[in-house]
Amino acid sequence: SITFSTLFLIASYWLAWFFFKKVPLHHKRT
């Protein structure tokens, strides 16, 4: 359970990075 919970945290960091990087620039001004 700790292993899968830890992997989820890593996935959430990956997701945050993905949105920070991939959201188009014109949306980032909103």
PDB file of all heavy atoms in Angstrom:
ATOM      1  N   SER A   1       0.828  -1.212   0.000  1.00  0.00           N
ATOM      2  CA  SER A   1       0.000   0.000   0.000  1.00  0.00           C
ATOM      3  C   SER A   1       0.861   1.260   0.000  1.00  0.00           C
ATOM      4  O   SER A   1       0.549   2.235  -0.701  1.00  0.00           O
ATOM      5  CB  SER A   1      -0.940  -0.003   1.207  1.00  0.00           C
ATOM      6  OG  SER A   1      -0.211  -0.065   2.414  1.00  0.00           O
ATOM      7  N   ILE A   2       1.938   1.241   0.762  1.00  0.00           N
ATOM      8  CA  ILE A   2       2.848   2.398   0.789  1.00  0.00           C
ATOM      9  C   ILE A   2       3.523   2.567  -0.567  1.00  0.00           C
ATOM     10  O   ILE A   2       3.702   3.690  -1.056  1.00  0.00           O
ATOM     11  CB  ILE A   2       3.894   2.238   1.909  1.00  0.00           C
ATOM     12  CG1 ILE A   2       3.212   2.361   3.282  1.00  0.00           C
ATOM     13  CG2 ILE A   2       5.009   3.269   1.774  1.00  0.00           C
ATOM     14  CD1 ILE A   2       4.131   2.074   4.453  1.00  0.00           C
ATOM     15  N   THR A   3       3.885   1.456  -1.199  1.00  0.00           N
ATOM     16  CA  THR A   3       4.509   1.522  -2.529  1.00  0.00           C
ATOM     17  C   THR A   3       3.578   2.165  -3.538  1.00  0.00           C
ATOM     18  O   THR A   3       3.964   3.087  -4.271  1.00  0.00           O
ATOM     19  CB  THR A   3       4.896   0.108  -3.006  1.00  0.00           C
ATOM     20  OG1 THR A   3       5.838  -0.457  -2.101  1.00  0.00           O
ATOM     21  CG2 THR A   3       5.498   0.172  -4.407  1.00  0.00           C
ATOM     22  N   PHE A   4       2.329   1.707  -3.580  1.00  0.00           N
ATOM     23  CA  PHE A   4       1.374   2.271  -4.543  1.00  0.00           C
ATOM     24  C   PHE A   4       1.020   3.724  -4.198  1.00  0.00           C
ATOM     25  O   PHE A   4       0.825   4.542  -5.106  1.00  0.00           O
ATOM     26  CB  PHE A   4       0.115   1.413  -4.607  1.00  0.00           C
ATOM     27  CG  PHE A   4       0.307   0.125  -5.360  1.00  0.00           C
ATOM     28  CD1 PHE A   4       0.223  -1.095  -4.709  1.00  0.00           C
ATOM     29  CD2 PHE A   4       0.584   0.137  -6.714  1.00  0.00           C
ATOM     30  CE1 PHE A   4       0.404  -2.287  -5.401  1.00  0.00           C
ATOM     31  CE2 PHE A   4       0.762  -1.053  -7.425  1.00  0.00           C
ATOM     32  CZ  PHE A   4       0.684  -2.262  -6.769  1.00  0.00           C
ATOM     33  N   SER A   5       0.943   4.044  -2.900  1.00  0.00           N
ATOM     34  CA  SER A   5       0.679   5.432  -2.503  1.00  0.00           C
ATOM     35  C   SER A   5       1.816   6.344  -2.942  1.00  0.00           C
ATOM     36  O   SER A   5       1.586   7.469  -3.416  1.00  0.00           O
ATOM     37  CB  SER A   5       0.507   5.522  -0.978  1.00  0.00           C
ATOM     38  OG  SER A   5      -0.572   4.737  -0.542  1.00  0.00           O
ATOM     39  N   THR A   6       3.039   5.854  -2.784  1.00  0.00           N
ATOM     40  CA  THR A   6       4.208   6.627  -3.202  1.00  0.00           C
ATOM     41  C   THR A   6       4.220   6.824  -4.714  1.00  0.00           C
ATOM     42  O   THR A   6       4.502   7.917  -5.215  1.00  0.00           O
ATOM     43  CB  THR A   6       5.505   5.919  -2.764  1.00  0.00           C
ATOM     44  OG1 THR A   6       5.477   5.739  -1.341  1.00  0.00           O
ATOM     45  CG2 THR A   6       6.733   6.737  -3.154  1.00  0.00           C
ATOM     46  N   LEU A   7       3.882   5.774  -5.445  1.00  0.00           N
ATOM     47  CA  LEU A   7       3.818   5.876  -6.903  1.00  0.00           C
ATOM     48  C   LEU A   7       2.745   6.864  -7.341  1.00  0.00           C
ATOM     49  O   LEU A   7       2.911   7.584  -8.340  1.00  0.00           O
ATOM     50  CB  LEU A   7       3.558   4.503  -7.520  1.00  0.00           C
ATOM     51  CG  LEU A   7       4.712   3.499  -7.434  1.00  0.00           C
ATOM     52  CD1 LEU A   7       4.270   2.129  -7.925  1.00  0.00           C
ATOM     53  CD2 LEU A   7       5.909   3.991  -8.239  1.00  0.00           C
ATOM     54  N   PHE A   8       1.636   6.913  -6.577  1.00  0.00           N
ATOM     55  CA  PHE A   8       0.605   7.896  -6.905  1.00  0.00           C
ATOM     56  C   PHE A   8       1.134   9.318  -6.729  1.00  0.00           C
ATOM     57  O   PHE A   8       0.843  10.197  -7.552  1.00  0.00           O
ATOM     58  CB  PHE A   8      -0.645   7.707  -6.035  1.00  0.00           C
ATOM     59  CG  PHE A   8      -1.725   8.714  -6.356  1.00  0.00           C
ATOM     60  CD1 PHE A   8      -2.671   8.433  -7.311  1.00  0.00           C
ATOM     61  CD2 PHE A   8      -1.762   9.939  -5.717  1.00  0.00           C
ATOM     62  CE1 PHE A   8      -3.650   9.369  -7.643  1.00  0.00           C
ATOM     63  CE2 PHE A   8      -2.728  10.883  -6.038  1.00  0.00           C
ATOM     64  CZ  PHE A   8      -3.674  10.586  -7.000  1.00  0.00           C
ATOM     65  N   LEU A   9       1.871   9.560  -5.647  1.00  0.00           N
ATOM     66  CA  LEU A   9       2.451  10.892  -5.441  1.00  0.00           C
ATOM     67  C   LEU A   9       3.344  11.277  -6.615  1.00  0.00           C
ATOM     68  O   LEU A   9       3.302  12.415  -7.107  1.00  0.00           O
ATOM     69  CB  LEU A   9       3.244  10.933  -4.137  1.00  0.00           C
ATOM     70  CG  LEU A   9       2.443  10.786  -2.839  1.00  0.00           C
ATOM     71  CD1 LEU A   9       3.381  10.821  -1.636  1.00  0.00           C
ATOM     72  CD2 LEU A   9       1.393  11.883  -2.725  1.00  0.00           C
ATOM     73  N   ILE A  10       4.149  10.323  -7.071  1.00  0.00           N
ATOM     74  CA  ILE A  10       5.019  10.580  -8.226  1.00  0.00           C
ATOM     75  C   ILE A  10       4.169  10.906  -9.456  1.00  0.00           C
ATOM     76  O   ILE A  10       4.480  11.822 -10.227  1.00  0.00           O
ATOM     77  CB  ILE A  10       5.933   9.369  -8.481  1.00  0.00           C
ATOM     78  CG1 ILE A  10       6.906   9.197  -7.303  1.00  0.00           C
ATOM     79  CG2 ILE A  10       6.697   9.531  -9.793  1.00  0.00           C
ATOM     80  CD1 ILE A  10       7.698   7.909  -7.343  1.00  0.00           C
ATOM     81  N   ALA A  11       3.070  10.164  -9.634  1.00  0.00           N
ATOM     82  CA  ALA A  11       2.167  10.418 -10.761  1.00  0.00           C
ATOM     83  C   ALA A  11       1.566  11.815 -10.676  1.00  0.00           C
ATOM     84  O   ALA A  11       1.404  12.501 -11.702  1.00  0.00           O
ATOM     85  CB  ALA A  11       1.063   9.364 -10.790  1.00  0.00           C
ATOM     86  N   SER A  12       1.235  12.259  -9.458  1.00  0.00           N
ATOM     87  CA  SER A  12       0.647  13.591  -9.299  1.00  0.00           C
ATOM     88  C   SER A  12       1.661  14.683  -9.616  1.00  0.00           C
ATOM     89  O   SER A  12       1.307  15.723 -10.189  1.00  0.00           O
ATOM     90  CB  SER A  12       0.093  13.765  -7.880  1.00  0.00           C
ATOM     91  OG  SER A  12       1.129  13.814  -6.914  1.00  0.00           O
ATOM     92  N   TYR A  13       2.934  14.461  -9.262  1.00  0.00           N
ATOM     93  CA  TYR A  13       3.971  15.423  -9.630  1.00  0.00           C
ATOM     94  C   TYR A  13       4.127  15.479 -11.153  1.00  0.00           C
ATOM     95  O   TYR A  13       4.284  16.554 -11.741  1.00  0.00           O
ATOM     96  CB  TYR A  13       5.316  15.032  -9.007  1.00  0.00           C
ATOM     97  CG  TYR A  13       5.338  14.984  -7.495  1.00  0.00           C
ATOM     98  CD1 TYR A  13       6.250  14.165  -6.822  1.00  0.00           C
ATOM     99  CD2 TYR A  13       4.464  15.748  -6.738  1.00  0.00           C
ATOM    100  CE1 TYR A  13       6.283  14.119  -5.438  1.00  0.00           C
ATOM    101  CE2 TYR A  13       4.486  15.698  -5.350  1.00  0.00           C
ATOM    102  CZ  TYR A  13       5.394  14.880  -4.704  1.00  0.00           C
ATOM    103  OH  TYR A  13       5.427  14.831  -3.336  1.00  0.00           O
ATOM    104  N   TRP A  14       4.102  14.323 -11.751  1.00  0.00           N
ATOM    105  CA  TRP A  14       4.216  14.214 -13.212  1.00  0.00           C
ATOM    106  C   TRP A  14       3.047  14.947 -13.872  1.00  0.00           C
ATOM    107  O   TRP A  14       3.220  15.675 -14.850  1.00  0.00           O
ATOM    108  CB  TRP A  14       4.243  12.733 -13.589  1.00  0.00           C
ATOM    109  CG  TRP A  14       4.504  12.430 -15.034  1.00  0.00           C
ATOM    110  CD1 TRP A  14       4.893  13.296 -16.018  1.00  0.00           C
ATOM    111  CD2 TRP A  14       4.375  11.151 -15.669  1.00  0.00           C
ATOM    112  NE1 TRP A  14       5.015  12.633 -17.225  1.00  0.00           N
ATOM    113  CE2 TRP A  14       4.704  11.324 -17.036  1.00  0.00           C
ATOM    114  CE3 TRP A  14       4.018   9.885 -15.209  1.00  0.00           C
ATOM    115  CZ2 TRP A  14       4.681  10.274 -17.949  1.00  0.00           C
ATOM    116  CZ3 TRP A  14       4.002   8.834 -16.119  1.00  0.00           C
ATOM    117  CH2 TRP A  14       4.333   9.028 -17.466  1.00  0.00           C
ATOM    118  N   LEU A  15       1.841  14.763 -13.313  1.00  0.00           N
ATOM    119  CA  LEU A  15       0.668  15.414 -13.865  1.00  0.00           C
ATOM    120  C   LEU A  15       0.779  16.930 -13.756  1.00  0.00           C
ATOM    121  O   LEU A  15       0.474  17.661 -14.706  1.00  0.00           O
ATOM    122  CB  LEU A  15      -0.586  14.938 -13.139  1.00  0.00           C
ATOM    123  CG  LEU A  15      -1.855  15.664 -13.616  1.00  0.00           C
ATOM    124  CD1 LEU A  15      -2.637  14.796 -14.582  1.00  0.00           C
ATOM    125  CD2 LEU A  15      -2.725  16.091 -12.463  1.00  0.00           C
ATOM    126  N   ALA A  16       1.206  17.427 -12.574  1.00  0.00           N
ATOM    127  CA  ALA A  16       1.350  18.873 -12.392  1.00  0.00           C
ATOM    128  C   ALA A  16       2.348  19.432 -13.406  1.00  0.00           C
ATOM    129  O   ALA A  16       2.096  20.463 -14.043  1.00  0.00           O
ATOM    130  CB  ALA A  16       1.790  19.177 -10.963  1.00  0.00           C
ATOM    131  N   TRP A  17       3.485  18.755 -13.557  1.00  0.00           N
ATOM    132  CA  TRP A  17       4.489  19.186 -14.537  1.00  0.00           C
ATOM    133  C   TRP A  17       3.887  19.206 -15.938  1.00  0.00           C
ATOM    134  O   TRP A  17       4.132  20.133 -16.720  1.00  0.00           O
ATOM    135  CB  TRP A  17       5.693  18.237 -14.493  1.00  0.00           C
ATOM    136  CG  TRP A  17       6.653  18.458 -15.637  1.00  0.00           C
ATOM    137  CD1 TRP A  17       7.673  19.345 -15.695  1.00  0.00           C
ATOM    138  CD2 TRP A  17       6.633  17.768 -16.903  1.00  0.00           C
ATOM    139  NE1 TRP A  17       8.305  19.268 -16.919  1.00  0.00           N
ATOM    140  CE2 TRP A  17       7.688  18.310 -17.683  1.00  0.00           C
ATOM    141  CE3 TRP A  17       5.833  16.761 -17.453  1.00  0.00           C
ATOM    142  CZ2 TRP A  17       7.958  17.874 -18.980  1.00  0.00           C
ATOM    143  CZ3 TRP A  17       6.100  16.332 -18.743  1.00  0.00           C
ATOM    144  CH2 TRP A  17       7.148  16.880 -19.493  1.00  0.00           C
ATOM    145  N   PHE A  18       3.117  18.188 -16.258  1.00  0.00           N
ATOM    146  CA  PHE A  18       2.505  18.077 -17.579  1.00  0.00           C
ATOM    147  C   PHE A  18       1.618  19.284 -17.869  1.00  0.00           C
ATOM    148  O   PHE A  18       1.708  19.909 -18.939  1.00  0.00           O
ATOM    149  CB  PHE A  18       1.700  16.779 -17.664  1.00  0.00           C
ATOM    150  CG  PHE A  18       0.873  16.649 -18.911  1.00  0.00           C
ATOM    151  CD1 PHE A  18       1.469  16.328 -20.121  1.00  0.00           C
ATOM    152  CD2 PHE A  18      -0.504  16.841 -18.871  1.00  0.00           C
ATOM    153  CE1 PHE A  18       0.703  16.205 -21.280  1.00  0.00           C
ATOM    154  CE2 PHE A  18      -1.269  16.719 -20.021  1.00  0.00           C
ATOM    155  CZ  PHE A  18      -0.661  16.400 -21.234  1.00  0.00           C
ATOM    156  N   PHE A  19       0.752  19.648 -16.905  1.00  0.00           N
ATOM    157  CA  PHE A  19      -0.121  20.791 -17.112  1.00  0.00           C
ATOM    158  C   PHE A  19       0.665  22.101 -17.156  1.00  0.00           C
ATOM    159  O   PHE A  19       0.378  22.976 -17.986  1.00  0.00           O
ATOM    160  CB  PHE A  19      -1.204  20.849 -16.035  1.00  0.00           C
ATOM    161  CG  PHE A  19      -2.316  19.848 -16.224  1.00  0.00           C
ATOM    162  CD1 PHE A  19      -2.759  19.083 -15.162  1.00  0.00           C
ATOM    163  CD2 PHE A  19      -2.922  19.680 -17.456  1.00  0.00           C
ATOM    164  CE1 PHE A  19      -3.789  18.165 -15.329  1.00  0.00           C
ATOM    165  CE2 PHE A  19      -3.955  18.763 -17.639  1.00  0.00           C
ATOM    166  CZ  PHE A  19      -4.391  18.003 -16.573  1.00  0.00           C
ATOM    167  N   PHE A  20       1.640  22.260 -16.251  1.00  0.00           N
ATOM    168  CA  PHE A  20       2.450  23.480 -16.257  1.00  0.00           C
ATOM    169  C   PHE A  20       3.127  23.689 -17.608  1.00  0.00           C
ATOM    170  O   PHE A  20       3.220  24.802 -18.106  1.00  0.00           O
ATOM    171  CB  PHE A  20       3.532  23.422 -15.170  1.00  0.00           C
ATOM    172  CG  PHE A  20       3.000  23.494 -13.766  1.00  0.00           C
ATOM    173  CD1 PHE A  20       3.701  22.902 -12.720  1.00  0.00           C
ATOM    174  CD2 PHE A  20       1.817  24.155 -13.474  1.00  0.00           C
ATOM    175  CE1 PHE A  20       3.227  22.974 -11.420  1.00  0.00           C
ATOM    176  CE2 PHE A  20       1.324  24.215 -12.176  1.00  0.00           C
ATOM    177  CZ  PHE A  20       2.033  23.624 -11.151  1.00  0.00           C
ATOM    178  N   LYS A  21       3.597  22.604 -18.203  1.00  0.00           N
ATOM    179  CA  LYS A  21       4.384  22.687 -19.438  1.00  0.00           C
ATOM    180  C   LYS A  21       3.525  22.727 -20.694  1.00  0.00           C
ATOM    181  O   LYS A  21       3.849  23.439 -21.657  1.00  0.00           O
ATOM    182  CB  LYS A  21       5.338  21.487 -19.509  1.00  0.00           C
ATOM    183  CG  LYS A  21       6.323  21.534 -20.675  1.00  0.00           C
ATOM    184  CD  LYS A  21       7.304  20.391 -20.593  1.00  0.00           C
ATOM    185  CE  LYS A  21       8.276  20.376 -21.760  1.00  0.00           C
ATOM    186  NZ  LYS A  21       9.139  21.578 -21.783  1.00  0.00           N
ATOM    187  N   LYS A  22       2.422  21.979 -20.716  1.00  0.00           N
ATOM    188  CA  LYS A  22       1.702  21.758 -21.956  1.00  0.00           C
ATOM    189  C   LYS A  22       0.499  22.666 -22.179  1.00  0.00           C
ATOM    190  O   LYS A  22       0.005  22.749 -23.316  1.00  0.00           O
ATOM    191  CB  LYS A  22       1.235  20.299 -22.037  1.00  0.00           C
ATOM    192  CG  LYS A  22       2.377  19.279 -21.992  1.00  0.00           C
ATOM    193  CD  LYS A  22       3.329  19.431 -23.161  1.00  0.00           C
ATOM    194  CE  LYS A  22       4.417  18.354 -23.130  1.00  0.00           C
ATOM    195  NZ  LYS A  22       5.366  18.506 -24.268  1.00  0.00           N
ATOM    196  N   VAL A  23      -0.016  23.303 -21.137  1.00  0.00           N
ATOM    197  CA  VAL A  23      -1.154  24.201 -21.345  1.00  0.00           C
ATOM    198  C   VAL A  23      -0.719  25.347 -22.260  1.00  0.00           C
ATOM    199  O   VAL A  23       0.301  25.988 -22.013  1.00  0.00           O
ATOM    200  CB  VAL A  23      -1.680  24.749 -19.999  1.00  0.00           C
ATOM    201  CG1 VAL A  23      -2.657  25.906 -20.224  1.00  0.00           C
ATOM    202  CG2 VAL A  23      -2.363  23.638 -19.216  1.00  0.00           C
ATOM    203  N   PRO A  24      -1.455  25.606 -23.349  1.00  0.00           N
ATOM    204  CA  PRO A  24      -1.061  26.649 -24.303  1.00  0.00           C
ATOM    205  C   PRO A  24      -0.917  28.021 -23.658  1.00  0.00           C
ATOM    206  O   PRO A  24      -1.617  28.346 -22.692  1.00  0.00           O
ATOM    207  CB  PRO A  24      -2.213  26.639 -25.323  1.00  0.00           C
ATOM    208  CG  PRO A  24      -2.780  25.262 -25.239  1.00  0.00           C
ATOM    209  CD  PRO A  24      -2.646  24.862 -23.789  1.00  0.00           C
ATOM    210  N   LEU A  25      -0.027  28.824 -24.225  1.00  0.00           N
ATOM    211  CA  LEU A  25       0.326  30.115 -23.646  1.00  0.00           C
ATOM    212  C   LEU A  25      -0.873  31.043 -23.519  1.00  0.00           C
ATOM    213  O   LEU A  25      -1.006  31.759 -22.515  1.00  0.00           O
ATOM    214  CB  LEU A  25       1.417  30.783 -24.498  1.00  0.00           C
ATOM    215  CG  LEU A  25       1.969  32.112 -23.969  1.00  0.00           C
ATOM    216  CD1 LEU A  25       2.615  31.920 -22.596  1.00  0.00           C
ATOM    217  CD2 LEU A  25       2.970  32.699 -24.963  1.00  0.00           C
ATOM    218  N   HIS A  26      -1.780  31.035 -24.496  1.00  0.00           N
ATOM    219  CA  HIS A  26      -2.907  31.972 -24.438  1.00  0.00           C
ATOM    220  C   HIS A  26      -3.837  31.655 -23.262  1.00  0.00           C
ATOM    221  O   HIS A  26      -4.517  32.548 -22.754  1.00  0.00           O
ATOM    222  CB  HIS A  26      -3.690  31.983 -25.762  1.00  0.00           C
ATOM    223  CG  HIS A  26      -4.374  30.693 -26.075  1.00  0.00           C
ATOM    224  ND1 HIS A  26      -3.727  29.619 -26.668  1.00  0.00           N
ATOM    225  CD2 HIS A  26      -5.667  30.284 -25.884  1.00  0.00           C
ATOM    226  CE1 HIS A  26      -4.579  28.626 -26.842  1.00  0.00           C
ATOM    227  NE2 HIS A  26      -5.754  28.993 -26.372  1.00  0.00           N
ATOM    228  N   HIS A  27      -3.853  30.403 -22.819  1.00  0.00           N
ATOM    229  CA  HIS A  27      -4.648  30.066 -21.636  1.00  0.00           C
ATOM    230  C   HIS A  27      -3.957  30.527 -20.351  1.00  0.00           C
ATOM    231  O   HIS A  27      -4.624  30.825 -19.358  1.00  0.00           O
ATOM    232  CB  HIS A  27      -4.876  28.550 -21.562  1.00  0.00           C
ATOM    233  CG  HIS A  27      -5.906  28.042 -22.509  1.00  0.00           C
ATOM    234  ND1 HIS A  27      -7.199  28.510 -22.530  1.00  0.00           N
ATOM    235  CD2 HIS A  27      -5.844  27.092 -23.477  1.00  0.00           C
ATOM    236  CE1 HIS A  27      -7.888  27.879 -23.458  1.00  0.00           C
ATOM    237  NE2 HIS A  27      -7.097  27.013 -24.055  1.00  0.00           N
ATOM    238  N   LYS A  28      -2.640  30.576 -20.371  1.00  0.00           N
ATOM    239  CA  LYS A  28      -1.890  30.919 -19.167  1.00  0.00           C
ATOM    240  C   LYS A  28      -2.036  32.380 -18.769  1.00  0.00           C
ATOM    241  O   LYS A  28      -1.595  32.775 -17.704  1.00  0.00           O
ATOM    242  CB  LYS A  28      -0.414  30.562 -19.354  1.00  0.00           C
ATOM    243  CG  LYS A  28      -0.165  29.060 -19.419  1.00  0.00           C
ATOM    244  CD  LYS A  28       1.310  28.718 -19.510  1.00  0.00           C
ATOM    245  CE  LYS A  28       1.518  27.210 -19.492  1.00  0.00           C
ATOM    246  NZ  LYS A  28       2.945  26.836 -19.596  1.00  0.00           N
ATOM    247  N   ARG A  29      -2.660  33.175 -19.611  1.00  0.00           N
ATOM    248  CA  ARG A  29      -2.893  34.580 -19.289  1.00  0.00           C
ATOM    249  C   ARG A  29      -4.257  34.794 -18.631  1.00  0.00           C
ATOM    250  O   ARG A  29      -4.623  35.920 -18.303  1.00  0.00           O
ATOM    251  CB  ARG A  29      -2.815  35.426 -20.565  1.00  0.00           C
ATOM    252  CG  ARG A  29      -1.470  35.343 -21.292  1.00  0.00           C
ATOM    253  CD  ARG A  29      -1.414  36.374 -22.415  1.00  0.00           C
ATOM    254  NE  ARG A  29      -0.159  36.271 -23.159  1.00  0.00           N
ATOM    255  CZ  ARG A  29      -0.025  35.661 -24.331  1.00  0.00           C
ATOM    256  NH1 ARG A  29      -1.090  35.085 -24.889  1.00  0.00           N
ATOM    257  NH2 ARG A  29       1.131  35.616 -24.955  1.00  0.00           N
ATOM    258  N   THR A  30      -5.017  33.717 -18.438  1.00  0.00           N
ATOM    259  CA  THR A  30      -6.380  33.837 -17.924  1.00  0.00           C
ATOM    260  C   THR A  30      -6.433  33.695 -16.409  1.00  0.00           C
ATOM    261  O   THR A  30      -5.541  33.132 -15.780  1.00  0.00           O
ATOM    262  CB  THR A  30      -7.283  32.766 -18.555  1.00  0.00           C
ATOM    263  OG1 THR A  30      -6.797  31.463 -18.179  1.00  0.00           O
ATOM    264  CG2 THR A  30      -7.293  32.885 -20.071  1.00  0.00           C
TER     265      THR A  30
END
